């Protein structure tokens, strides 16, 4: 499916070697990670919700290829925005499908979270070429958190549910996409992305502070409520 999307992109708008290699590498890496994760999870069936997330993963692969191609060719333009927008819309679908079919699992929640995190990383890479390397902090924040959790295991403990946390997470991709579309003047784009980073820093800071204060009584976190889990 990833190869078909890459072929479609290449046919419609054209894509250089960097885009093709990156897209194919993404497809191979996705297959390897999912195969390993499914083997360890013991799931008997992939499920409808996970198939929706897999579809989102394919779209993210297309976005990744376009970003890689933009370093050698012209900016990705409307196909990039379209693929990203659809991936963001579908982000609200897989969870609803899982709940309606009664197939909500920690593995599915983790899969969804990893796709979201990687999409934000890719968007931050592209926007950083316009606004500066500081934007990479948005995409790299969660991965820095995961790395820190290997040093301080208390960071993997369960976090209480938070609507604010979910809202901030969703806003990251939306605000980055807005900056990518370049509908606003440079100063406005800078302010929008700076706001996204400020909100993210506040969200992570609040969670780290809570985890530090409760580290003695904390227990291991389910993947859907912890920032520090990876799909492995």
C-alpha atoms as a PDB file:
ATOM      1  CA  UNK A   1       0.000   0.000   0.000  1.00  0.00           C
ATOM      2  CA  UNK A   2       2.873   2.373   0.774  1.00  0.00           C
ATOM      3  CA  UNK A   3       4.481   1.671  -2.594  1.00  0.00           C
ATOM      4  CA  UNK A   4       1.188   2.382  -4.377  1.00  0.00           C
ATOM      5  CA  UNK A   5       0.885   5.740  -2.626  1.00  0.00           C
ATOM      6  CA  UNK A   6       4.468   6.633  -3.522  1.00  0.00           C
ATOM      7  CA  UNK A   7       3.810   5.662  -7.134  1.00  0.00           C
ATOM      8  CA  UNK A   8       0.702   7.845  -7.180  1.00  0.00           C
ATOM      9  CA  UNK A   9       2.597  10.805  -5.752  1.00  0.00           C
ATOM     10  CA  UNK A  10       5.405  10.273  -8.239  1.00  0.00           C
ATOM     11  CA  UNK A  11       2.964  10.118 -11.140  1.00  0.00           C
ATOM     12  CA  UNK A  12       0.888  13.146 -10.155  1.00  0.00           C
ATOM     13  CA  UNK A  13       3.537  15.620  -8.986  1.00  0.00           C
ATOM     14  CA  UNK A  14       6.839  13.855  -9.555  1.00  0.00           C
ATOM     15  CA  UNK A  15       9.277  12.776  -6.866  1.00  0.00           C
ATOM     16  CA  UNK A  16      13.053  12.538  -6.820  1.00  0.00           C
ATOM     17  CA  UNK A  17      15.350   9.797  -5.601  1.00  0.00           C
ATOM     18  CA  UNK A  18      15.479  11.150  -2.032  1.00  0.00           C
ATOM     19  CA  UNK A  19      11.700  10.977  -1.717  1.00  0.00           C
ATOM     20  CA  UNK A  20      11.522   7.444  -3.113  1.00  0.00           C
ATOM     21  CA  UNK A  21      14.315   6.122  -0.926  1.00  0.00           C
ATOM     22  CA  UNK A  22      12.866   7.741   2.189  1.00  0.00           C
ATOM     23  CA  UNK A  23       9.362   6.459   1.455  1.00  0.00           C
ATOM     24  CA  UNK A  24      10.588   2.926   0.833  1.00  0.00           C
ATOM     25  CA  UNK A  25      12.772   3.016   3.946  1.00  0.00           C
ATOM     26  CA  UNK A  26       9.725   4.134   5.937  1.00  0.00           C
ATOM     27  CA  UNK A  27       7.702   1.215   4.545  1.00  0.00           C
ATOM     28  CA  UNK A  28      10.392  -1.341   5.414  1.00  0.00           C
ATOM     29  CA  UNK A  29      10.909   0.103   8.906  1.00  0.00           C
ATOM     30  CA  UNK A  30       7.150   0.137   9.550  1.00  0.00           C
ATOM     31  CA  UNK A  31       6.813  -3.499   8.489  1.00  0.00           C
ATOM     32  CA  UNK A  32       9.738  -4.549  10.692  1.00  0.00           C
ATOM     33  CA  UNK A  33       8.536  -2.663  13.781  1.00  0.00           C
ATOM     34  CA  UNK A  34       4.922  -3.800  13.437  1.00  0.00           C
ATOM     35  CA  UNK A  35       5.941  -7.436  12.871  1.00  0.00           C
ATOM     36  CA  UNK A  36       8.074  -7.401  16.008  1.00  0.00           C
ATOM     37  CA  UNK A  37       5.432  -5.601  18.048  1.00  0.00           C
ATOM     38  CA  UNK A  38       2.631  -7.931  16.942  1.00  0.00           C
ATOM     39  CA  UNK A  39       4.774 -10.953  17.745  1.00  0.00           C
ATOM     40  CA  UNK A  40       5.365  -9.715  21.293  1.00  0.00           C
ATOM     41  CA  UNK A  41       1.767  -8.558  21.826  1.00  0.00           C
ATOM     42  CA  UNK A  42       0.168 -11.926  21.130  1.00  0.00           C
ATOM     43  CA  UNK A  43      -2.788 -10.367  19.288  1.00  0.00           C
ATOM     44  CA  UNK A  44      -4.762 -12.906  17.275  1.00  0.00           C
ATOM     45  CA  UNK A  45      -6.200 -10.377  14.816  1.00  0.00           C
ATOM     46  CA  UNK A  46      -5.161  -6.937  13.682  1.00  0.00           C
ATOM     47  CA  UNK A  47      -8.633  -5.415  14.121  1.00  0.00           C
ATOM     48  CA  UNK A  48     -10.548  -2.724  12.248  1.00  0.00           C
ATOM     49  CA  UNK A  49      -9.230   0.167  14.345  1.00  0.00           C
ATOM     50  CA  UNK A  50      -5.622  -0.871  13.820  1.00  0.00           C
ATOM     51  CA  UNK A  51      -6.276  -1.069  10.088  1.00  0.00           C
ATOM     52  CA  UNK A  52      -7.408   2.552  10.181  1.00  0.00           C
ATOM     53  CA  UNK A  53      -4.204   3.433  12.031  1.00  0.00           C
ATOM     54  CA  UNK A  54      -2.229   1.468   9.441  1.00  0.00           C
ATOM     55  CA  UNK A  55      -3.893   3.557   6.741  1.00  0.00           C
ATOM     56  CA  UNK A  56      -2.795   6.686   8.611  1.00  0.00           C
ATOM     57  CA  UNK A  57       0.709   5.243   8.769  1.00  0.00           C
ATOM     58  CA  UNK A  58       0.721   4.935   4.975  1.00  0.00           C
ATOM     59  CA  UNK A  59      -0.289   8.586   4.652  1.00  0.00           C
ATOM     60  CA  UNK A  60       2.451   9.594   7.087  1.00  0.00           C
ATOM     61  CA  UNK A  61       4.896   7.652   4.923  1.00  0.00           C
ATOM     62  CA  UNK A  62       3.806   9.743   1.944  1.00  0.00           C
ATOM     63  CA  UNK A  63       4.248  12.942   3.953  1.00  0.00           C
ATOM     64  CA  UNK A  64       7.714  11.785   5.027  1.00  0.00           C
ATOM     65  CA  UNK A  65       8.717  11.101   1.417  1.00  0.00           C
ATOM     66  CA  UNK A  66       7.529  14.553   0.326  1.00  0.00           C
ATOM     67  CA  UNK A  67       9.472  16.254   3.107  1.00  0.00           C
ATOM     68  CA  UNK A  68      12.637  14.371   2.136  1.00  0.00           C
ATOM     69  CA  UNK A  69      12.074  15.272  -1.511  1.00  0.00           C
ATOM     70  CA  UNK A  70      11.614  18.960  -0.642  1.00  0.00           C
ATOM     71  CA  UNK A  71      15.300  19.228   0.304  1.00  0.00           C
ATOM     72  CA  UNK A  72      16.227  18.665  -3.345  1.00  0.00           C
ATOM     73  CA  UNK A  73      13.183  19.877  -5.249  1.00  0.00           C
ATOM     74  CA  UNK A  74      10.404  22.450  -4.843  1.00  0.00           C
ATOM     75  CA  UNK A  75       8.218  22.532  -1.675  1.00  0.00           C
ATOM     76  CA  UNK A  76       5.640  19.710  -1.557  1.00  0.00           C
ATOM     77  CA  UNK A  77       2.617  22.042  -1.731  1.00  0.00           C
ATOM     78  CA  UNK A  78      -1.016  20.931  -1.756  1.00  0.00           C
ATOM     79  CA  UNK A  79      -0.459  17.123  -1.895  1.00  0.00           C
ATOM     80  CA  UNK A  80       1.592  17.419   1.293  1.00  0.00           C
ATOM     81  CA  UNK A  81      -1.114  19.455   3.011  1.00  0.00           C
ATOM     82  CA  UNK A  82      -3.838  17.107   1.767  1.00  0.00           C
ATOM     83  CA  UNK A  83      -2.132  13.920   2.980  1.00  0.00           C
ATOM     84  CA  UNK A  84      -1.392  15.492   6.356  1.00  0.00           C
ATOM     85  CA  UNK A  85      -4.942  16.790   6.765  1.00  0.00           C
ATOM     86  CA  UNK A  86      -6.458  13.376   6.016  1.00  0.00           C
ATOM     87  CA  UNK A  87      -4.046  11.702   8.446  1.00  0.00           C
ATOM     88  CA  UNK A  88      -5.103  14.159  11.154  1.00  0.00           C
ATOM     89  CA  UNK A  89      -8.805  13.628  10.452  1.00  0.00           C
ATOM     90  CA  UNK A  90      -8.410   9.862  10.644  1.00  0.00           C
ATOM     91  CA  UNK A  91      -6.695  10.285  14.012  1.00  0.00           C
ATOM     92  CA  UNK A  92     -10.145  10.672  15.528  1.00  0.00           C
ATOM     93  CA  UNK A  93     -11.559   7.683  13.664  1.00  0.00           C
ATOM     94  CA  UNK A  94      -9.446   4.755  14.835  1.00  0.00           C
ATOM     95  CA  UNK A  95     -10.256   5.366  18.502  1.00  0.00           C
ATOM     96  CA  UNK A  96     -13.987   5.520  17.802  1.00  0.00           C
ATOM     97  CA  UNK A  97     -13.817   2.331  15.752  1.00  0.00           C
ATOM     98  CA  UNK A  98     -11.953   0.561  18.560  1.00  0.00           C
ATOM     99  CA  UNK A  99     -14.546   1.603  21.147  1.00  0.00           C
ATOM    100  CA  UNK A 100     -17.537   0.711  18.981  1.00  0.00           C
ATOM    101  CA  UNK A 101     -16.154  -2.708  18.086  1.00  0.00           C
ATOM    102  CA  UNK A 102     -14.947  -3.394  21.624  1.00  0.00           C
ATOM    103  CA  UNK A 103     -11.376  -3.885  20.416  1.00  0.00           C
ATOM    104  CA  UNK A 104      -9.577  -1.194  22.416  1.00  0.00           C
ATOM    105  CA  UNK A 105      -6.164  -2.530  23.441  1.00  0.00           C
ATOM    106  CA  UNK A 106      -3.003  -1.045  24.963  1.00  0.00           C
ATOM    107  CA  UNK A 107      -1.151  -2.139  21.825  1.00  0.00           C
ATOM    108  CA  UNK A 108      -3.577  -0.262  19.580  1.00  0.00           C
ATOM    109  CA  UNK A 109      -3.295   2.863  21.727  1.00  0.00           C
ATOM    110  CA  UNK A 110       0.487   2.683  21.539  1.00  0.00           C
ATOM    111  CA  UNK A 111       0.400   2.175  17.758  1.00  0.00           C
ATOM    112  CA  UNK A 112      -1.798   5.252  17.389  1.00  0.00           C
ATOM    113  CA  UNK A 113       0.475   7.295  19.665  1.00  0.00           C
ATOM    114  CA  UNK A 114       3.616   6.355  17.734  1.00  0.00           C
ATOM    115  CA  UNK A 115       2.059   7.387  14.418  1.00  0.00           C
ATOM    116  CA  UNK A 116       1.010  10.737  15.906  1.00  0.00           C
ATOM    117  CA  UNK A 117       4.474  11.334  17.336  1.00  0.00           C
ATOM    118  CA  UNK A 118       6.241  10.553  14.079  1.00  0.00           C
ATOM    119  CA  UNK A 119       3.915  12.776  12.053  1.00  0.00           C
ATOM    120  CA  UNK A 120       4.647  15.686  14.393  1.00  0.00           C
ATOM    121  CA  UNK A 121       8.367  14.973  14.052  1.00  0.00           C
ATOM    122  CA  UNK A 122       8.179  15.042  10.248  1.00  0.00           C
ATOM    123  CA  UNK A 123       6.141  18.250  10.235  1.00  0.00           C
ATOM    124  CA  UNK A 124       8.589  19.900  12.612  1.00  0.00           C
ATOM    125  CA  UNK A 125      11.480  18.950  10.327  1.00  0.00           C
ATOM    126  CA  UNK A 126       9.804  20.646   7.382  1.00  0.00           C
ATOM    127  CA  UNK A 127       8.752  23.759   9.304  1.00  0.00           C
ATOM    128  CA  UNK A 128      12.266  24.063  10.768  1.00  0.00           C
ATOM    129  CA  UNK A 129      13.568  24.757   7.264  1.00  0.00           C
ATOM    130  CA  UNK A 130      11.389  27.874   7.241  1.00  0.00           C
ATOM    131  CA  UNK A 131      11.590  29.088  10.834  1.00  0.00           C
ATOM    132  CA  UNK A 132      14.797  27.634  12.222  1.00  0.00           C
ATOM    133  CA  UNK A 133      16.079  24.515  14.039  1.00  0.00           C
ATOM    134  CA  UNK A 134      14.317  25.424  17.296  1.00  0.00           C
ATOM    135  CA  UNK A 135      11.127  23.991  15.771  1.00  0.00           C
ATOM    136  CA  UNK A 136      12.692  20.516  16.000  1.00  0.00           C
ATOM    137  CA  UNK A 137      12.066  20.659  19.747  1.00  0.00           C
ATOM    138  CA  UNK A 138       8.372  20.104  19.032  1.00  0.00           C
ATOM    139  CA  UNK A 139       8.942  16.873  17.144  1.00  0.00           C
ATOM    140  CA  UNK A 140      11.797  15.712  19.337  1.00  0.00           C
ATOM    141  CA  UNK A 141      10.184  16.385  22.719  1.00  0.00           C
ATOM    142  CA  UNK A 142       8.551  13.001  23.124  1.00  0.00           C
ATOM    143  CA  UNK A 143      11.651  11.127  21.975  1.00  0.00           C
ATOM    144  CA  UNK A 144      13.747  13.064  24.460  1.00  0.00           C
ATOM    145  CA  UNK A 145      11.224  12.043  27.111  1.00  0.00           C
ATOM    146  CA  UNK A 146      11.568   8.387  26.102  1.00  0.00           C
ATOM    147  CA  UNK A 147      15.359   8.652  26.299  1.00  0.00           C
ATOM    148  CA  UNK A 148      15.146  10.318  29.708  1.00  0.00           C
ATOM    149  CA  UNK A 149      12.877   7.531  30.948  1.00  0.00           C
ATOM    150  CA  UNK A 150      15.689   5.044  30.400  1.00  0.00           C
ATOM    151  CA  UNK A 151      17.727   7.001  32.933  1.00  0.00           C
ATOM    152  CA  UNK A 152      14.855   7.832  35.297  1.00  0.00           C
ATOM    153  CA  UNK A 153      12.331   4.934  35.168  1.00  0.00           C
ATOM    154  CA  UNK A 154       9.815   6.874  37.263  1.00  0.00           C
ATOM    155  CA  UNK A 155       8.990   8.812  34.074  1.00  0.00           C
ATOM    156  CA  UNK A 156       7.201   5.707  32.732  1.00  0.00           C
ATOM    157  CA  UNK A 157       4.658   5.687  35.568  1.00  0.00           C
ATOM    158  CA  UNK A 158       0.944   6.153  34.950  1.00  0.00           C
ATOM    159  CA  UNK A 159      -0.331   9.668  34.409  1.00  0.00           C
ATOM    160  CA  UNK A 160      -3.864  10.689  35.379  1.00  0.00           C
ATOM    161  CA  UNK A 161      -6.224  11.298  32.421  1.00  0.00           C
ATOM    162  CA  UNK A 162      -6.015  14.863  31.153  1.00  0.00           C
ATOM    163  CA  UNK A 163      -8.139  16.597  28.536  1.00  0.00           C
ATOM    164  CA  UNK A 164      -5.596  19.426  28.460  1.00  0.00           C
ATOM    165  CA  UNK A 165      -2.795  16.988  27.572  1.00  0.00           C
ATOM    166  CA  UNK A 166      -4.811  15.503  24.716  1.00  0.00           C
ATOM    167  CA  UNK A 167      -5.745  18.945  23.436  1.00  0.00           C
ATOM    168  CA  UNK A 168      -2.147  20.160  23.439  1.00  0.00           C
ATOM    169  CA  UNK A 169      -1.015  16.999  21.632  1.00  0.00           C
ATOM    170  CA  UNK A 170      -3.646  17.465  18.930  1.00  0.00           C
ATOM    171  CA  UNK A 171      -2.798  21.148  18.523  1.00  0.00           C
ATOM    172  CA  UNK A 172       0.841  20.425  17.707  1.00  0.00           C
ATOM    173  CA  UNK A 173       0.117  18.840  14.338  1.00  0.00           C
ATOM    174  CA  UNK A 174      -2.643  21.326  13.508  1.00  0.00           C
ATOM    175  CA  UNK A 175      -0.482  24.381  14.214  1.00  0.00           C
ATOM    176  CA  UNK A 176       2.496  22.898  12.381  1.00  0.00           C
ATOM    177  CA  UNK A 177       0.279  22.162   9.396  1.00  0.00           C
ATOM    178  CA  UNK A 178      -0.967  25.750   9.458  1.00  0.00           C
ATOM    179  CA  UNK A 179       2.621  26.971   9.336  1.00  0.00           C
ATOM    180  CA  UNK A 180       3.383  24.544   6.529  1.00  0.00           C
ATOM    181  CA  UNK A 181       0.542  25.922   4.416  1.00  0.00           C
ATOM    182  CA  UNK A 182       2.183  29.378   4.591  1.00  0.00           C
ATOM    183  CA  UNK A 183      -1.179  31.125   4.552  1.00  0.00           C
ATOM    184  CA  UNK A 184       0.054  33.621   7.139  1.00  0.00           C
ATOM    185  CA  UNK A 185       2.943  36.104   7.065  1.00  0.00           C
ATOM    186  CA  UNK A 186       6.306  34.926   8.392  1.00  0.00           C
ATOM    187  CA  UNK A 187       5.855  36.678  11.748  1.00  0.00           C
ATOM    188  CA  UNK A 188       2.442  35.094  12.252  1.00  0.00           C
ATOM    189  CA  UNK A 189       3.760  31.624  11.360  1.00  0.00           C
ATOM    190  CA  UNK A 190       6.608  32.134  13.820  1.00  0.00           C
ATOM    191  CA  UNK A 191       4.138  33.105  16.548  1.00  0.00           C
ATOM    192  CA  UNK A 192       1.868  30.119  15.806  1.00  0.00           C
ATOM    193  CA  UNK A 193       4.711  27.599  16.033  1.00  0.00           C
ATOM    194  CA  UNK A 194       6.182  29.320  19.092  1.00  0.00           C
ATOM    195  CA  UNK A 195       2.780  28.989  20.747  1.00  0.00           C
ATOM    196  CA  UNK A 196       2.722  25.286  19.903  1.00  0.00           C
ATOM    197  CA  UNK A 197       6.139  24.805  21.501  1.00  0.00           C
ATOM    198  CA  UNK A 198       5.204  26.829  24.576  1.00  0.00           C
ATOM    199  CA  UNK A 199       2.054  24.755  25.112  1.00  0.00           C
ATOM    200  CA  UNK A 200       4.018  21.542  24.667  1.00  0.00           C
ATOM    201  CA  UNK A 201       6.690  22.610  27.149  1.00  0.00           C
ATOM    202  CA  UNK A 202       4.019  23.484  29.704  1.00  0.00           C
ATOM    203  CA  UNK A 203       2.278  20.140  29.162  1.00  0.00           C
ATOM    204  CA  UNK A 204       5.457  18.097  29.511  1.00  0.00           C
ATOM    205  CA  UNK A 205       6.619  20.206  32.435  1.00  0.00           C
ATOM    206  CA  UNK A 206       3.367  19.665  34.305  1.00  0.00           C
ATOM    207  CA  UNK A 207       3.487  15.906  33.722  1.00  0.00           C
ATOM    208  CA  UNK A 208       7.150  15.580  34.720  1.00  0.00           C
ATOM    209  CA  UNK A 209       6.494  17.524  37.895  1.00  0.00           C
ATOM    210  CA  UNK A 210       3.524  15.288  38.746  1.00  0.00           C
ATOM    211  CA  UNK A 211       5.544  12.134  38.061  1.00  0.00           C
ATOM    212  CA  UNK A 212       8.449  13.366  40.181  1.00  0.00           C
ATOM    213  CA  UNK A 213       6.198  14.167  43.130  1.00  0.00           C
ATOM    214  CA  UNK A 214       4.444  10.806  42.896  1.00  0.00           C
ATOM    215  CA  UNK A 215       7.371   8.588  41.929  1.00  0.00           C
ATOM    216  CA  UNK A 216       7.366   6.622  45.189  1.00  0.00           C
ATOM    217  CA  UNK A 217       3.763   5.485  44.882  1.00  0.00           C
ATOM    218  CA  UNK A 218       3.576   5.307  41.070  1.00  0.00           C
ATOM    219  CA  UNK A 219       3.064   2.022  39.276  1.00  0.00           C
ATOM    220  CA  UNK A 220       3.939   1.052  35.718  1.00  0.00           C
ATOM    221  CA  UNK A 221       1.828   2.961  33.197  1.00  0.00           C
ATOM    222  CA  UNK A 222      -0.505   1.556  30.579  1.00  0.00           C
ATOM    223  CA  UNK A 223       0.786   2.695  27.172  1.00  0.00           C
ATOM    224  CA  UNK A 224      -2.229   4.913  26.463  1.00  0.00           C
ATOM    225  CA  UNK A 225      -1.548   7.080  29.512  1.00  0.00           C
ATOM    226  CA  UNK A 226       2.217   7.292  29.512  1.00  0.00           C
ATOM    227  CA  UNK A 227       4.394   9.585  27.420  1.00  0.00           C
ATOM    228  CA  UNK A 228       7.378   7.270  27.730  1.00  0.00           C
ATOM    229  CA  UNK A 229       6.339   4.109  25.900  1.00  0.00           C
ATOM    230  CA  UNK A 230       7.570   3.061  22.480  1.00  0.00           C
ATOM    231  CA  UNK A 231       6.195   0.553  19.987  1.00  0.00           C
ATOM    232  CA  UNK A 232       8.456  -2.379  20.710  1.00  0.00           C
END
